Protein backbone atom coordinates (compact mmCIF):
# COMPACT_ATOMS: atom_id res chain seq x y z
CA MET A 1 -53.66 -55.05 23.98
CA LYS A 2 -56.14 -56.32 20.91
CA GLU A 3 -58.70 -59.07 20.96
CA HIS A 4 -59.16 -61.58 18.42
CA PHE A 5 -61.57 -63.13 17.56
CA PHE A 6 -61.36 -66.94 15.11
CA THR A 7 -62.83 -70.29 15.59
CA CYS A 8 -61.31 -72.71 17.49
CA PRO A 9 -59.67 -75.92 16.01
CA HIS A 10 -60.94 -78.16 18.72
CA CYS A 11 -64.09 -77.53 18.71
CA TRP A 12 -64.86 -75.23 16.03
CA GLU A 13 -66.65 -72.97 19.21
CA ASN A 14 -66.40 -68.68 18.42
CA ILE A 15 -63.91 -68.11 20.98
CA SER A 16 -60.91 -65.06 21.29
CA MET A 17 -57.47 -64.57 22.71
CA LEU A 18 -55.91 -60.93 24.35
CA LEU A 19 -53.34 -60.42 21.35
CA ASP A 20 -50.07 -57.66 22.34
CA SER A 21 -49.72 -55.73 19.47
CA SER A 22 -46.45 -54.18 20.43
CA VAL A 23 -44.76 -57.10 20.00
CA PHE A 24 -43.63 -58.17 16.48
CA GLU A 25 -43.96 -62.05 16.15
CA GLN A 26 -45.74 -64.13 18.61
CA CYS A 27 -46.43 -68.09 19.54
CA TYR A 28 -47.46 -69.80 21.87
CA ILE A 29 -49.77 -71.73 23.32
CA GLU A 30 -53.47 -70.67 24.74
CA ASP A 31 -56.00 -73.26 26.68
CA CYS A 32 -59.33 -73.10 24.98
CA GLU A 33 -61.83 -71.11 26.41
CA VAL A 34 -64.83 -73.31 26.33
CA CYS A 35 -62.60 -77.00 25.21
CA CYS A 36 -59.44 -76.64 27.63
CA ASN A 37 -57.20 -77.96 24.55
CA PRO A 38 -54.19 -76.58 24.05
CA ILE A 39 -54.67 -74.31 20.53
CA GLN A 40 -50.42 -72.74 18.62
CA VAL A 41 -51.62 -69.84 18.94
CA SER A 42 -49.29 -67.36 15.62
CA ALA A 43 -49.52 -63.63 14.94
CA GLN A 44 -47.88 -61.29 13.27
CA PHE A 45 -48.29 -57.28 13.78
CA PHE A 46 -47.26 -54.23 11.11
CA ASN A 47 -47.93 -50.54 12.80
CA SER A 48 -49.68 -52.31 15.87
CA GLU A 49 -52.65 -53.60 13.24
CA LEU A 50 -53.37 -57.85 12.94
CA VAL A 51 -51.67 -58.91 9.76
CA SER A 52 -50.83 -62.69 10.57
CA PHE A 53 -53.00 -65.08 12.44
CA GLU A 54 -53.79 -68.85 12.86
CA ALA A 55 -54.97 -71.06 15.76
CA VAL A 56 -53.57 -74.70 15.51
CA THR A 57 -53.93 -78.16 16.81
CA ILE A 58 -51.02 -79.36 18.24
CA GLY A 59 -50.08 -82.89 18.03
């Protein structure tokens, strides 16, 4: 697991999420820990290193 910090697309607060680096490509929805709005998270790993990350609003 790797902790990744980014800006929430809803409230613009700096937050973090734990990403599973053993899964090459992942896409899921998780709520912001500050404003509780849903965020669609997409991440890609190569050799356990994060190579792509996107966090967008839903709707």
